[in-house]
C-alpha atoms as a PDB file:
ATOM      1  CA  MET A   1     -66.667  79.292  -1.633  1.00  0.00           C
ATOM      2  CA  SER A   2     -63.966  81.804  -0.655  1.00  0.00           C
ATOM      3  CA  VAL A   3     -65.000  85.201   0.641  1.00  0.00           C
ATOM      4  CA  PHE A   4     -62.650  88.197   0.735  1.00  0.00           C
ATOM      5  CA  ALA A   5     -63.211  91.257   2.949  1.00  0.00           C
ATOM      6  CA  MET A   6     -62.879  94.699   1.346  1.00  0.00           C
ATOM      7  CA  PRO A   7     -62.815  97.271   4.205  1.00  0.00           C
ATOM      8  CA  GLY A   8     -61.158 100.030   2.173  1.00  0.00           C
ATOM      9  CA  ILE A   9     -59.248 100.227  -1.072  1.00  0.00           C
ATOM     10  CA  SER A  10     -56.556 102.786  -1.847  1.00  0.00           C
ATOM     11  CA  VAL A  11     -56.051 103.569  -5.542  1.00  0.00           C
ATOM     12  CA  ALA A  12     -54.086 106.494  -6.946  1.00  0.00           C
ATOM     13  CA  GLY A  13     -53.904 108.129  -3.535  1.00  0.00           C
ATOM     14  CA  LEU A  14     -57.669 107.979  -2.950  1.00  0.00           C
ATOM     15  CA  THR A  15     -59.199 105.692  -0.360  1.00  0.00           C
ATOM     16  CA  VAL A  16     -62.571 104.252  -1.290  1.00  0.00           C
ATOM     17  CA  LYS A  17     -64.522 103.039   1.710  1.00  0.00           C
ATOM     18  CA  VAL A  18     -66.341  99.778   1.171  1.00  0.00           C
ATOM     19  CA  ASP A  19     -69.089  98.585   3.486  1.00  0.00           C
ATOM     20  CA  GLU A  20     -67.651  95.850   5.718  1.00  0.00           C
ATOM     21  CA  ARG A  21     -70.570  93.586   4.788  1.00  0.00           C
ATOM     22  CA  ILE A  22     -69.596  93.556   1.106  1.00  0.00           C
ATOM     23  CA  ARG A  23     -67.492  90.552   0.128  1.00  0.00           C
ATOM     24  CA  VAL A  24     -66.004  89.181  -3.054  1.00  0.00           C
ATOM     25  CA  VAL A  25     -67.809  85.860  -3.428  1.00  0.00           C
ATOM     26  CA  GLU A  26     -66.501  84.770  -6.813  1.00  0.00           C
ATOM     27  CA  LEU A  27     -63.653  85.552  -9.214  1.00  0.00           C
ATOM     28  CA  ASN A  28     -64.088  84.779 -12.914  1.00  0.00           C
ATOM     29  CA  ALA A  29     -61.133  84.878 -15.293  1.00  0.00           C
ATOM     30  CA  GLN A  30     -62.350  86.284 -18.612  1.00  0.00           C
ATOM     31  CA  GLY A  31     -59.234  85.834 -20.732  1.00  0.00           C
ATOM     32  CA  TYR A  32     -58.291  89.522 -20.902  1.00  0.00           C
ATOM     33  CA  GLY A  33     -59.184  90.331 -17.275  1.00  0.00           C
ATOM     34  CA  LEU A  34     -60.916  89.416 -14.058  1.00  0.00           C
ATOM     35  CA  GLN A  35     -64.581  89.762 -13.128  1.00  0.00           C
ATOM     36  CA  LEU A  36     -65.421  90.196  -9.430  1.00  0.00           C
ATOM     37  CA  ILE A  37     -68.783  88.992  -8.130  1.00  0.00           C
ATOM     38  CA  LEU A  38     -69.717  90.843  -4.940  1.00  0.00           C
ATOM     39  CA  SER A  39     -72.084  89.782  -2.186  1.00  0.00           C
ATOM     40  CA  ASP A  40     -74.355  92.797  -2.832  1.00  0.00           C
ATOM     41  CA  GLY A  41     -75.118  91.572  -6.352  1.00  0.00           C
ATOM     42  CA  HIS A  42     -72.663  93.739  -8.296  1.00  0.00           C
ATOM     43  CA  GLU A  43     -71.010  91.731 -11.047  1.00  0.00           C
ATOM     44  CA  ARG A  44     -70.578  94.186 -13.886  1.00  0.00           C
ATOM     45  CA  GLY A  45     -67.197  95.162 -15.226  1.00  0.00           C
ATOM     46  CA  ILE A  46     -64.054  93.253 -16.008  1.00  0.00           C
ATOM     47  CA  TYR A  47     -60.727  94.507 -14.720  1.00  0.00           C
ATOM     48  CA  PRO A  48     -57.965  94.032 -17.351  1.00  0.00           C
ATOM     49  CA  TRP A  49     -54.883  92.055 -16.251  1.00  0.00           C
ATOM     50  CA  PRO A  50     -52.452  94.962 -16.931  1.00  0.00           C
ATOM     51  CA  TYR A  51     -54.560  97.259 -14.718  1.00  0.00           C
ATOM     52  CA  LEU A  52     -54.596  94.703 -11.896  1.00  0.00           C
ATOM     53  CA  ALA A  53     -50.835  94.177 -12.233  1.00  0.00           C
ATOM     54  CA  GLN A  54     -50.288  97.939 -11.943  1.00  0.00           C
ATOM     55  CA  LEU A  55     -52.383  98.043  -8.755  1.00  0.00           C
ATOM     56  CA  GLY A  56     -50.204  95.306  -7.303  1.00  0.00           C
ATOM     57  CA  LEU A  57     -47.115  97.464  -7.828  1.00  0.00           C
ATOM     58  CA  GLU A  58     -48.508 100.469  -5.967  1.00  0.00           C
ATOM     59  CA  THR A  59     -47.763 100.816  -2.275  1.00  0.00           C
ATOM     60  CA  THR A  60     -50.928 101.468  -0.351  1.00  0.00           C
ATOM     61  CA  THR A  61     -51.832 102.230   3.227  1.00  0.00           C
ATOM     62  CA  VAL A  62     -55.328 101.761   4.491  1.00  0.00           C
END
């Protein structure tokens, strides 16, 4: 199982702090987007592919 750290995420100029203990433990492709399963039990919400692609184009500094 892969685990990804999420120390802080910068989106639209805002930095969201994420507890260092929280990890992405699973990624599920849902056809129209991606579902992230987090180590704290959160698994709701599917991020649409176009939204994720847009995030990849943004330059961020954390």
